[in-house]
PDB file of N, CA and C in Angstrom:
ATOM      1  N   UNK A   1     -55.470 140.143-185.779  1.00  0.00           N
ATOM      2  CA  UNK A   1     -56.676 139.671-185.212  1.00  0.00           C
ATOM      3  C   UNK A   1     -56.559 138.813-186.174  1.00  0.00           C
ATOM      4  N   UNK A   2     -56.639 137.372-186.170  1.00  0.00           N
ATOM      5  CA  UNK A   2     -56.979 136.245-186.813  1.00  0.00           C
ATOM      6  C   UNK A   2     -58.059 136.074-188.195  1.00  0.00           C
ATOM      7  N   UNK A   3     -58.531 135.559-188.674  1.00  0.00           N
ATOM      8  CA  UNK A   3     -59.793 135.208-189.689  1.00  0.00           C
ATOM      9  C   UNK A   3     -59.996 134.009-189.148  1.00  0.00           C
ATOM     10  N   UNK A   4     -61.508 133.639-189.357  1.00  0.00           N
ATOM     11  CA  UNK A   4     -62.234 132.024-189.387  1.00  0.00           C
ATOM     12  C   UNK A   4     -61.770 131.524-190.559  1.00  0.00           C
ATOM     13  N   UNK A   5     -62.068 130.483-190.784  1.00  0.00           N
ATOM     14  CA  UNK A   5     -62.106 129.546-191.710  1.00  0.00           C
ATOM     15  C   UNK A   5     -63.332 129.169-191.777  1.00  0.00           C
ATOM     16  N   UNK A   6     -64.335 129.456-191.091  1.00  0.00           N
ATOM     17  CA  UNK A   6     -65.580 129.141-191.218  1.00  0.00           C
ATOM     18  C   UNK A   6     -66.484 130.130-190.341  1.00  0.00           C
ATOM     19  N   UNK A   7     -67.745 131.091-190.521  1.00  0.00           N
ATOM     20  CA  UNK A   7     -68.169 131.627-189.650  1.00  0.00           C
ATOM     21  C   UNK A   7     -69.837 130.088-189.341  1.00  0.00           C
ATOM     22  N   UNK A   8     -70.094 130.616-187.977  1.00  0.00           N
ATOM     23  CA  UNK A   8     -71.010 130.602-187.138  1.00  0.00           C
ATOM     24  C   UNK A   8     -72.331 131.445-186.554  1.00  0.00           C
ATOM     25  N   UNK A   9     -72.869 130.281-186.198  1.00  0.00           N
ATOM     26  CA  UNK A   9     -73.774 131.789-185.921  1.00  0.00           C
ATOM     27  C   UNK A   9     -73.706 130.079-184.324  1.00  0.00           C
ATOM     28  N   UNK A  10     -75.192 130.688-183.217  1.00  0.00           N
ATOM     29  CA  UNK A  10     -74.931 130.499-182.437  1.00  0.00           C
ATOM     30  C   UNK A  10     -75.955 130.755-181.455  1.00  0.00           C
ATOM     31  N   UNK A  11     -76.800 129.857-181.089  1.00  0.00           N
ATOM     32  CA  UNK A  11     -78.095 129.926-179.904  1.00  0.00           C
ATOM     33  C   UNK A  11     -77.398 129.183-178.846  1.00  0.00           C
ATOM     34  N   UNK A  12     -78.313 129.770-177.449  1.00  0.00           N
ATOM     35  CA  UNK A  12     -77.882 129.641-175.803  1.00  0.00           C
ATOM     36  C   UNK A  12     -79.269 129.554-175.630  1.00  0.00           C
ATOM     37  N   UNK A  13     -79.354 129.286-174.666  1.00  0.00           N
ATOM     38  CA  UNK A  13     -81.522 129.229-173.381  1.00  0.00           C
ATOM     39  C   UNK A  13     -81.155 129.732-172.147  1.00  0.00           C
ATOM     40  N   UNK A  14     -81.276 130.394-171.531  1.00  0.00           N
ATOM     41  CA  UNK A  14     -81.529 131.101-170.407  1.00  0.00           C
ATOM     42  C   UNK A  14     -81.894 130.554-169.754  1.00  0.00           C
ATOM     43  N   UNK A  15     -81.939 130.203-168.474  1.00  0.00           N
ATOM     44  CA  UNK A  15     -82.739 129.898-168.080  1.00  0.00           C
ATOM     45  C   UNK A  15     -82.707 129.888-165.750  1.00  0.00           C
ATOM     46  N   UNK A  16     -83.874 129.981-165.132  1.00  0.00           N
ATOM     47  CA  UNK A  16     -83.391 130.270-163.788  1.00  0.00           C
ATOM     48  C   UNK A  16     -83.184 128.766-163.002  1.00  0.00           C
ATOM     49  N   UNK A  17     -83.110 127.560-163.804  1.00  0.00           N
ATOM     50  CA  UNK A  17     -83.189 126.117-163.362  1.00  0.00           C
ATOM     51  C   UNK A  17     -82.073 126.117-163.854  1.00  0.00           C
ATOM     52  N   UNK A  18     -80.674 126.329-164.716  1.00  0.00           N
ATOM     53  CA  UNK A  18     -79.126 126.035-164.821  1.00  0.00           C
ATOM     54  C   UNK A  18     -78.728 126.261-164.053  1.00  0.00           C
ATOM     55  N   UNK A  19     -77.726 125.658-163.851  1.00  0.00           N
ATOM     56  CA  UNK A  19     -76.784 125.356-162.659  1.00  0.00           C
ATOM     57  C   UNK A  19     -75.890 126.879-163.198  1.00  0.00           C
ATOM     58  N   UNK A  20     -75.777 127.285-162.537  1.00  0.00           N
ATOM     59  CA  UNK A  20     -75.007 128.385-162.505  1.00  0.00           C
ATOM     60  C   UNK A  20     -72.859 128.330-162.930  1.00  0.00           C
ATOM     61  N   UNK A  21     -73.116 126.945-163.264  1.00  0.00           N
ATOM     62  CA  UNK A  21     -71.496 126.533-163.301  1.00  0.00           C
ATOM     63  C   UNK A  21     -71.488 125.860-164.878  1.00  0.00           C
ATOM     64  N   UNK A  22     -73.027 125.713-165.716  1.00  0.00           N
ATOM     65  CA  UNK A  22     -73.219 125.584-167.119  1.00  0.00           C
ATOM     66  C   UNK A  22     -74.262 125.685-167.230  1.00  0.00           C
ATOM     67  N   UNK A  23     -73.379 126.223-168.668  1.00  0.00           N
ATOM     68  CA  UNK A  23     -74.639 126.905-169.284  1.00  0.00           C
ATOM     69  C   UNK A  23     -74.126 125.998-170.767  1.00  0.00           C
ATOM     70  N   UNK A  24     -75.323 126.112-172.303  1.00  0.00           N
ATOM     71  CA  UNK A  24     -75.207 125.451-173.241  1.00  0.00           C
ATOM     72  C   UNK A  24     -74.884 126.007-174.222  1.00  0.00           C
ATOM     73  N   UNK A  25     -73.784 126.173-174.967  1.00  0.00           N
ATOM     74  CA  UNK A  25     -74.083 126.472-176.447  1.00  0.00           C
ATOM     75  C   UNK A  25     -73.708 126.256-177.517  1.00  0.00           C
ATOM     76  N   UNK A  26     -75.012 126.175-178.855  1.00  0.00           N
ATOM     77  CA  UNK A  26     -75.397 125.640-179.958  1.00  0.00           C
ATOM     78  C   UNK A  26     -74.359 126.020-181.149  1.00  0.00           C
ATOM     79  N   UNK A  27     -73.627 125.493-181.820  1.00  0.00           N
ATOM     80  CA  UNK A  27     -72.820 126.219-182.582  1.00  0.00           C
ATOM     81  C   UNK A  27     -73.581 125.533-184.081  1.00  0.00           C
ATOM     82  N   UNK A  28     -73.695 126.648-184.926  1.00  0.00           N
ATOM     83  CA  UNK A  28     -74.271 126.083-186.392  1.00  0.00           C
ATOM     84  C   UNK A  28     -73.162 127.172-187.293  1.00  0.00           C
ATOM     85  N   UNK A  29     -73.253 126.561-188.292  1.00  0.00           N
ATOM     86  CA  UNK A  29     -72.641 126.763-189.693  1.00  0.00           C
ATOM     87  C   UNK A  29     -73.352 127.943-190.440  1.00  0.00           C
ATOM     88  N   UNK A  30     -72.930 129.025-190.454  1.00  0.00           N
ATOM     89  CA  UNK A  30     -73.513 130.015-191.461  1.00  0.00           C
ATOM     90  C   UNK A  30     -74.397 129.358-192.211  1.00  0.00           C
ATOM     91  N   UNK A  31     -74.018 128.461-193.525  1.00  0.00           N
ATOM     92  CA  UNK A  31     -74.161 128.000-194.651  1.00  0.00           C
ATOM     93  C   UNK A  31     -75.719 127.261-194.373  1.00  0.00           C
ATOM     94  N   UNK A  32     -75.746 127.013-193.102  1.00  0.00           N
ATOM     95  CA  UNK A  32     -77.152 126.239-193.091  1.00  0.00           C
ATOM     96  C   UNK A  32     -78.492 127.335-193.614  1.00  0.00           C
ATOM     97  N   UNK A  33     -79.403 126.871-193.744  1.00  0.00           N
ATOM     98  CA  UNK A  33     -80.796 127.821-194.132  1.00  0.00           C
ATOM     99  C   UNK A  33     -81.767 127.786-193.354  1.00  0.00           C
ATOM    100  N   UNK A  34     -82.177 126.300-192.463  1.00  0.00           N
ATOM    101  CA  UNK A  34     -83.212 126.305-191.811  1.00  0.00           C
ATOM    102  C   UNK A  34     -82.309 125.731-190.177  1.00  0.00           C
ATOM    103  N   UNK A  35     -82.126 126.459-189.240  1.00  0.00           N
ATOM    104  CA  UNK A  35     -81.632 126.372-188.398  1.00  0.00           C
ATOM    105  C   UNK A  35     -82.120 125.340-187.378  1.00  0.00           C
ATOM    106  N   UNK A  36     -83.483 125.113-187.650  1.00  0.00           N
ATOM    107  CA  UNK A  36     -84.353 124.401-186.857  1.00  0.00           C
ATOM    108  C   UNK A  36     -84.117 123.153-187.574  1.00  0.00           C
ATOM    109  N   UNK A  37     -83.894 123.086-188.962  1.00  0.00           N
ATOM    110  CA  UNK A  37     -83.645 121.666-189.094  1.00  0.00           C
ATOM    111  C   UNK A  37     -82.547 121.112-189.213  1.00  0.00           C
ATOM    112  N   UNK A  38     -81.368 121.417-188.785  1.00  0.00           N
ATOM    113  CA  UNK A  38     -80.184 120.881-188.711  1.00  0.00           C
ATOM    114  C   UNK A  38     -79.444 120.347-186.918  1.00  0.00           C
ATOM    115  N   UNK A  39     -79.048 119.282-186.876  1.00  0.00           N
ATOM    116  CA  UNK A  39     -77.911 119.516-186.175  1.00  0.00           C
ATOM    117  C   UNK A  39     -77.194 120.361-185.807  1.00  0.00           C
ATOM    118  N   UNK A  40     -76.528 120.729-184.527  1.00  0.00           N
ATOM    119  CA  UNK A  40     -75.655 121.788-184.074  1.00  0.00           C
ATOM    120  C   UNK A  40     -74.483 121.115-185.028  1.00  0.00           C
ATOM    121  N   UNK A  41     -73.306 121.753-185.142  1.00  0.00           N
ATOM    122  CA  UNK A  41     -71.717 121.540-185.267  1.00  0.00           C
ATOM    123  C   UNK A  41     -70.225 121.513-184.013  1.00  0.00           C
ATOM    124  N   UNK A  42     -71.548 121.970-183.014  1.00  0.00           N
ATOM    125  CA  UNK A  42     -70.512 121.621-182.402  1.00  0.00           C
ATOM    126  C   UNK A  42     -71.543 122.508-180.602  1.00  0.00           C
ATOM    127  N   UNK A  43     -71.095 122.023-180.110  1.00  0.00           N
ATOM    128  CA  UNK A  43     -72.163 122.165-178.415  1.00  0.00           C
ATOM    129  C   UNK A  43     -71.660 122.719-176.816  1.00  0.00           C
ATOM    130  N   UNK A  44     -71.154 123.767-176.516  1.00  0.00           N
ATOM    131  CA  UNK A  44     -70.099 123.573-175.353  1.00  0.00           C
ATOM    132  C   UNK A  44     -70.834 123.648-174.052  1.00  0.00           C
ATOM    133  N   UNK A  45     -70.939 122.949-172.947  1.00  0.00           N
ATOM    134  CA  UNK A  45     -71.378 122.772-171.570  1.00  0.00           C
ATOM    135  C   UNK A  45     -71.329 123.451-170.490  1.00  0.00           C
ATOM    136  N   UNK A  46     -70.027 124.354-170.526  1.00  0.00           N
ATOM    137  CA  UNK A  46     -69.803 124.975-170.081  1.00  0.00           C
ATOM    138  C   UNK A  46     -68.792 125.589-170.387  1.00  0.00           C
ATOM    139  N   UNK A  47     -67.581 126.995-169.396  1.00  0.00           N
ATOM    140  CA  UNK A  47     -67.366 127.513-170.153  1.00  0.00           C
ATOM    141  C   UNK A  47     -65.210 127.295-170.589  1.00  0.00           C
ATOM    142  N   UNK A  48     -65.407 125.756-169.658  1.00  0.00           N
ATOM    143  CA  UNK A  48     -64.234 125.689-170.345  1.00  0.00           C
ATOM    144  C   UNK A  48     -64.099 125.309-171.773  1.00  0.00           C
ATOM    145  N   UNK A  49     -65.391 123.933-171.902  1.00  0.00           N
ATOM    146  CA  UNK A  49     -65.538 124.194-173.345  1.00  0.00           C
ATOM    147  C   UNK A  49     -65.276 124.113-173.778  1.00  0.00           C
ATOM    148  N   UNK A  50     -65.872 126.153-173.959  1.00  0.00           N
ATOM    149  CA  UNK A  50     -65.994 127.212-175.162  1.00  0.00           C
ATOM    150  C   UNK A  50     -65.128 127.863-175.411  1.00  0.00           C
ATOM    151  N   UNK A  51     -64.580 127.797-174.132  1.00  0.00           N
ATOM    152  CA  UNK A  51     -62.793 128.251-174.066  1.00  0.00           C
ATOM    153  C   UNK A  51     -61.708 127.196-175.060  1.00  0.00           C
ATOM    154  N   UNK A  52     -61.761 126.095-174.934  1.00  0.00           N
ATOM    155  CA  UNK A  52     -60.858 124.430-175.515  1.00  0.00           C
ATOM    156  C   UNK A  52     -61.795 125.037-177.319  1.00  0.00           C
ATOM    157  N   UNK A  53     -63.296 125.016-177.387  1.00  0.00           N
ATOM    158  CA  UNK A  53     -63.628 125.135-179.163  1.00  0.00           C
ATOM    159  C   UNK A  53     -63.180 126.284-179.621  1.00  0.00           C
ATOM    160  N   UNK A  54     -63.293 127.586-179.228  1.00  0.00           N
ATOM    161  CA  UNK A  54     -62.264 128.882-179.223  1.00  0.00           C
ATOM    162  C   UNK A  54     -61.117 128.343-179.695  1.00  0.00           C
ATOM    163  N   UNK A  55     -60.037 127.758-179.552  1.00  0.00           N
ATOM    164  CA  UNK A  55     -58.542 127.293-179.545  1.00  0.00           C
ATOM    165  C   UNK A  55     -58.792 126.724-180.168  1.00  0.00           C
ATOM    166  N   UNK A  56     -59.387 125.507-180.307  1.00  0.00           N
ATOM    167  CA  UNK A  56     -59.478 124.580-181.326  1.00  0.00           C
ATOM    168  C   UNK A  56     -59.321 125.624-182.919  1.00  0.00           C
ATOM    169  N   UNK A  57     -60.661 126.663-182.844  1.00  0.00           N
ATOM    170  CA  UNK A  57     -60.581 127.095-184.230  1.00  0.00           C
ATOM    171  C   UNK A  57     -59.382 128.598-183.970  1.00  0.00           C
ATOM    172  N   UNK A  58     -58.390 128.479-183.183  1.00  0.00           N
ATOM    173  CA  UNK A  58     -57.061 129.033-183.897  1.00  0.00           C
ATOM    174  C   UNK A  58     -56.219 128.418-184.738  1.00  0.00           C
ATOM    175  N   UNK A  59     -56.241 127.185-184.229  1.00  0.00           N
ATOM    176  CA  UNK A  59     -54.800 126.377-184.883  1.00  0.00           C
ATOM    177  C   UNK A  59     -55.388 126.087-186.223  1.00  0.00           C
TER     178      UNK A  59
END
């Protein structure tokens, strides 16, 4: 198992109106004191982007 260089918290919103092929996941740094006042470090919009982001973390 690989260790991550940075820890993240994430936020996702589930809605009946969203397309089944799209979901948004916002990643924030765990160093952030107030999540609502900062911009996400990364936003993924679908499963492929999410997998790409995880692969980038492994490098």
